[in-house]
Amino acid sequence: MERGQGLFAQGRFIEAAEEFQRAYEAHPFSAFVYNAGVAYERQNDYRRAADFFARYLERDPDASDRDAVRSELAKTATSW
């Protein structure tokens, strides 16, 4: 998580997304999937961002931020 956040802070969004995906494989916390989506969104890769936001909602349908994530998903899905 920390490595992904560091890469994100440096503007290395693709690397950050990949790091969040590796973190998810090691520890399947839905926040890693969401963070990967945000990193792809910052990279303007809206198709991947939408995919990761959808995955987040699938993995954690009762997330407290689900309405905000649904909004992000809708926004990114219409951006490509």
N, C-alpha and C. Protein backbone atom coordinates (compact mmCIF):
# COMPACT_ATOMS: atom_id res chain seq x y z
N MET A 1 0.83 -1.20 0.00
CA MET A 1 0.00 0.00 0.00
C MET A 1 0.87 1.26 0.00
N GLU A 2 1.86 1.28 0.89
CA GLU A 2 2.71 2.47 1.00
C GLU A 2 3.49 2.72 -0.28
N ARG A 3 3.99 1.66 -0.89
CA ARG A 3 4.74 1.83 -2.15
C ARG A 3 3.82 2.39 -3.23
N GLY A 4 2.61 1.86 -3.33
CA GLY A 4 1.65 2.37 -4.31
C GLY A 4 1.32 3.83 -4.06
N GLN A 5 1.14 4.20 -2.81
CA GLN A 5 0.84 5.59 -2.49
C GLN A 5 2.02 6.50 -2.82
N GLY A 6 3.23 6.02 -2.58
CA GLY A 6 4.42 6.80 -2.92
C GLY A 6 4.52 7.03 -4.42
N LEU A 7 4.29 5.99 -5.19
CA LEU A 7 4.32 6.12 -6.65
C LEU A 7 3.23 7.07 -7.13
N PHE A 8 2.05 6.96 -6.54
CA PHE A 8 0.94 7.84 -6.88
C PHE A 8 1.32 9.29 -6.61
N ALA A 9 1.90 9.55 -5.45
CA ALA A 9 2.28 10.92 -5.07
C ALA A 9 3.33 11.50 -6.03
N GLN A 10 4.12 10.62 -6.63
CA GLN A 10 5.15 11.05 -7.59
C GLN A 10 4.57 11.22 -9.01
N GLY A 11 3.29 10.94 -9.17
CA GLY A 11 2.67 11.05 -10.48
C GLY A 11 2.94 9.86 -11.38
N ARG A 12 3.41 8.77 -10.81
CA ARG A 12 3.71 7.55 -11.56
C ARG A 12 2.49 6.62 -11.45
N PHE A 13 1.43 7.02 -12.13
CA PHE A 13 0.13 6.42 -11.93
C PHE A 13 0.03 4.97 -12.40
N ILE A 14 0.63 4.65 -13.54
CA ILE A 14 0.58 3.27 -14.03
C ILE A 14 1.31 2.35 -13.06
N GLU A 15 2.48 2.77 -12.63
CA GLU A 15 3.23 1.96 -11.66
C GLU A 15 2.47 1.83 -10.35
N ALA A 16 1.83 2.91 -9.94
CA ALA A 16 1.04 2.87 -8.70
C ALA A 16 -0.10 1.88 -8.84
N ALA A 17 -0.80 1.92 -9.96
CA ALA A 17 -1.92 0.99 -10.19
C ALA A 17 -1.43 -0.45 -10.15
N GLU A 18 -0.30 -0.70 -10.79
CA GLU A 18 0.25 -2.05 -10.78
C GLU A 18 0.64 -2.49 -9.37
N GLU A 19 1.16 -1.57 -8.61
CA GLU A 19 1.54 -1.89 -7.22
C GLU A 19 0.30 -2.18 -6.38
N PHE A 20 -0.76 -1.41 -6.57
CA PHE A 20 -2.00 -1.68 -5.85
C PHE A 20 -2.58 -3.05 -6.24
N GLN A 21 -2.43 -3.42 -7.50
CA GLN A 21 -2.90 -4.73 -7.93
C GLN A 21 -2.10 -5.84 -7.27
N ARG A 22 -0.77 -5.67 -7.19
CA ARG A 22 0.06 -6.66 -6.50
C ARG A 22 -0.30 -6.74 -5.02
N ALA A 23 -0.56 -5.60 -4.43
CA ALA A 23 -0.96 -5.58 -3.01
C ALA A 23 -2.26 -6.34 -2.82
N TYR A 24 -3.19 -6.16 -3.77
CA TYR A 24 -4.47 -6.87 -3.67
C TYR A 24 -4.27 -8.38 -3.76
N GLU A 25 -3.37 -8.81 -4.63
CA GLU A 25 -3.09 -10.25 -4.76
C GLU A 25 -2.53 -10.81 -3.45
N ALA A 26 -1.73 -10.04 -2.76
CA ALA A 26 -1.14 -10.49 -1.50
C ALA A 26 -2.13 -10.38 -0.34
N HIS A 27 -2.92 -9.32 -0.36
CA HIS A 27 -3.90 -9.06 0.71
C HIS A 27 -5.17 -8.53 0.05
N PRO A 28 -6.17 -9.36 -0.15
CA PRO A 28 -7.35 -8.96 -0.93
C PRO A 28 -8.28 -7.97 -0.22
N PHE A 29 -7.78 -6.76 -0.03
CA PHE A 29 -8.58 -5.68 0.52
C PHE A 29 -9.14 -4.87 -0.65
N SER A 30 -10.41 -4.61 -0.64
CA SER A 30 -11.05 -3.92 -1.76
C SER A 30 -10.48 -2.52 -1.98
N ALA A 31 -9.93 -1.90 -0.96
CA ALA A 31 -9.35 -0.56 -1.11
C ALA A 31 -8.23 -0.55 -2.14
N PHE A 32 -7.49 -1.65 -2.27
CA PHE A 32 -6.43 -1.72 -3.27
C PHE A 32 -7.00 -1.63 -4.68
N VAL A 33 -8.15 -2.27 -4.90
CA VAL A 33 -8.80 -2.24 -6.20
C VAL A 33 -9.28 -0.82 -6.50
N TYR A 34 -9.86 -0.18 -5.51
CA TYR A 34 -10.30 1.21 -5.68
C TYR A 34 -9.11 2.12 -6.00
N ASN A 35 -8.03 1.97 -5.25
CA ASN A 35 -6.85 2.81 -5.47
C ASN A 35 -6.28 2.63 -6.87
N ALA A 36 -6.30 1.39 -7.37
CA ALA A 36 -5.84 1.15 -8.74
C ALA A 36 -6.74 1.91 -9.72
N GLY A 37 -8.03 1.91 -9.47
CA GLY A 37 -8.95 2.65 -10.32
C GLY A 37 -8.66 4.13 -10.33
N VAL A 38 -8.39 4.69 -9.17
CA VAL A 38 -8.08 6.12 -9.09
C VAL A 38 -6.78 6.41 -9.84
N ALA A 39 -5.79 5.54 -9.71
CA ALA A 39 -4.52 5.75 -10.41
C ALA A 39 -4.73 5.72 -11.92
N TYR A 40 -5.52 4.77 -12.41
CA TYR A 40 -5.80 4.73 -13.85
C TYR A 40 -6.59 5.96 -14.29
N GLU A 41 -7.49 6.42 -13.45
CA GLU A 41 -8.25 7.63 -13.78
C GLU A 41 -7.32 8.82 -13.92
N ARG A 42 -6.37 8.96 -13.01
CA ARG A 42 -5.40 10.06 -13.08
C ARG A 42 -4.52 9.97 -14.33
N GLN A 43 -4.33 8.75 -14.82
CA GLN A 43 -3.54 8.52 -16.02
C GLN A 43 -4.40 8.75 -17.29
N ASN A 44 -5.68 9.07 -17.08
CA ASN A 44 -6.64 9.26 -18.17
C ASN A 44 -6.93 7.96 -18.91
N ASP A 45 -6.74 6.85 -18.23
CA ASP A 45 -7.11 5.54 -18.79
C ASP A 45 -8.47 5.19 -18.20
N TYR A 46 -9.49 5.83 -18.75
CA TYR A 46 -10.83 5.75 -18.16
C TYR A 46 -11.45 4.36 -18.28
N ARG A 47 -11.09 3.64 -19.32
CA ARG A 47 -11.62 2.28 -19.48
C ARG A 47 -11.15 1.40 -18.33
N ARG A 48 -9.86 1.45 -18.04
CA ARG A 48 -9.34 0.65 -16.92
C ARG A 48 -9.87 1.16 -15.59
N ALA A 49 -9.95 2.47 -15.44
CA ALA A 49 -10.48 3.03 -14.20
C ALA A 49 -11.89 2.52 -13.95
N ALA A 50 -12.73 2.56 -14.99
CA ALA A 50 -14.11 2.08 -14.84
C ALA A 50 -14.13 0.61 -14.47
N ASP A 51 -13.25 -0.17 -15.07
CA ASP A 51 -13.17 -1.60 -14.75
C ASP A 51 -12.83 -1.82 -13.28
N PHE A 52 -11.88 -1.06 -12.77
CA PHE A 52 -11.48 -1.24 -11.38
C PHE A 52 -12.53 -0.71 -10.41
N PHE A 53 -13.21 0.35 -10.76
CA PHE A 53 -14.30 0.83 -9.91
C PHE A 53 -15.42 -0.20 -9.85
N ALA A 54 -15.72 -0.82 -10.99
CA ALA A 54 -16.75 -1.87 -11.02
C ALA A 54 -16.31 -3.07 -10.18
N ARG A 55 -15.05 -3.44 -10.29
CA ARG A 55 -14.53 -4.55 -9.47
C ARG A 55 -14.64 -4.23 -7.99
N TYR A 56 -14.33 -3.00 -7.63
CA TYR A 56 -14.42 -2.59 -6.23
C TYR A 56 -15.84 -2.79 -5.71
N LEU A 57 -16.82 -2.34 -6.49
CA LEU A 57 -18.22 -2.47 -6.07
C LEU A 57 -18.66 -3.93 -6.02
N GLU A 58 -18.12 -4.75 -6.89
CA GLU A 58 -18.43 -6.19 -6.85
C GLU A 58 -17.87 -6.83 -5.58
N ARG A 59 -16.66 -6.44 -5.22
CA ARG A 59 -15.99 -7.04 -4.07
C ARG A 59 -16.51 -6.51 -2.74
N ASP A 60 -17.01 -5.28 -2.76
CA ASP A 60 -17.48 -4.67 -1.52
C ASP A 60 -18.79 -3.91 -1.78
N PRO A 61 -19.87 -4.64 -2.09
CA PRO A 61 -21.13 -3.98 -2.46
C PRO A 61 -21.74 -3.14 -1.35
N ASP A 62 -21.35 -3.36 -0.11
CA ASP A 62 -21.89 -2.59 1.00
C ASP A 62 -20.92 -1.51 1.48
N ALA A 63 -19.94 -1.17 0.66
CA ALA A 63 -18.96 -0.15 1.05
C ALA A 63 -19.66 1.16 1.39
N SER A 64 -19.15 1.83 2.38
CA SER A 64 -19.78 3.09 2.81
C SER A 64 -19.69 4.17 1.72
N ASP A 65 -18.72 4.05 0.83
CA ASP A 65 -18.56 5.05 -0.24
C ASP A 65 -19.12 4.58 -1.58
N ARG A 66 -19.99 3.57 -1.55
CA ARG A 66 -20.48 2.97 -2.80
C ARG A 66 -21.18 3.98 -3.71
N ASP A 67 -21.92 4.92 -3.16
CA ASP A 67 -22.61 5.89 -4.01
C ASP A 67 -21.61 6.79 -4.74
N ALA A 68 -20.58 7.21 -4.03
CA ALA A 68 -19.54 8.04 -4.65
C ALA A 68 -18.79 7.25 -5.72
N VAL A 69 -18.52 5.98 -5.44
CA VAL A 69 -17.80 5.15 -6.41
C VAL A 69 -18.69 4.89 -7.63
N ARG A 70 -19.97 4.68 -7.42
CA ARG A 70 -20.89 4.52 -8.56
C ARG A 70 -20.87 5.77 -9.43
N SER A 71 -20.80 6.92 -8.81
CA SER A 71 -20.73 8.18 -9.55
C SER A 71 -19.43 8.25 -10.35
N GLU A 72 -18.32 7.87 -9.73
CA GLU A 72 -17.03 7.84 -10.43
C GLU A 72 -17.08 6.85 -11.59
N LEU A 73 -17.67 5.70 -11.36
CA LEU A 73 -17.80 4.68 -12.39
C LEU A 73 -18.58 5.23 -13.58
N ALA A 74 -19.69 5.88 -13.31
CA ALA A 74 -20.49 6.46 -14.38
C ALA A 74 -19.71 7.52 -15.15
N LYS A 75 -18.97 8.34 -14.43
CA LYS A 75 -18.19 9.40 -15.06
C LYS A 75 -17.09 8.83 -15.94
N THR A 76 -16.36 7.83 -15.42
CA THR A 76 -15.26 7.26 -16.19
C THR A 76 -15.78 6.43 -17.36
N ALA A 77 -16.90 5.76 -17.18
CA ALA A 77 -17.45 4.92 -18.25
C ALA A 77 -17.89 5.77 -19.45
N THR A 78 -18.28 7.00 -19.20
CA THR A 78 -18.69 7.88 -20.32
C THR A 78 -17.54 8.69 -20.87
N SER A 79 -16.35 8.57 -20.29
CA SER A 79 -15.20 9.35 -20.74
C SER A 79 -14.40 8.67 -21.84
N TRP A 80 -14.69 7.42 -22.12
CA TRP A 80 -13.97 6.75 -23.21
C TRP A 80 -14.92 6.39 -24.25
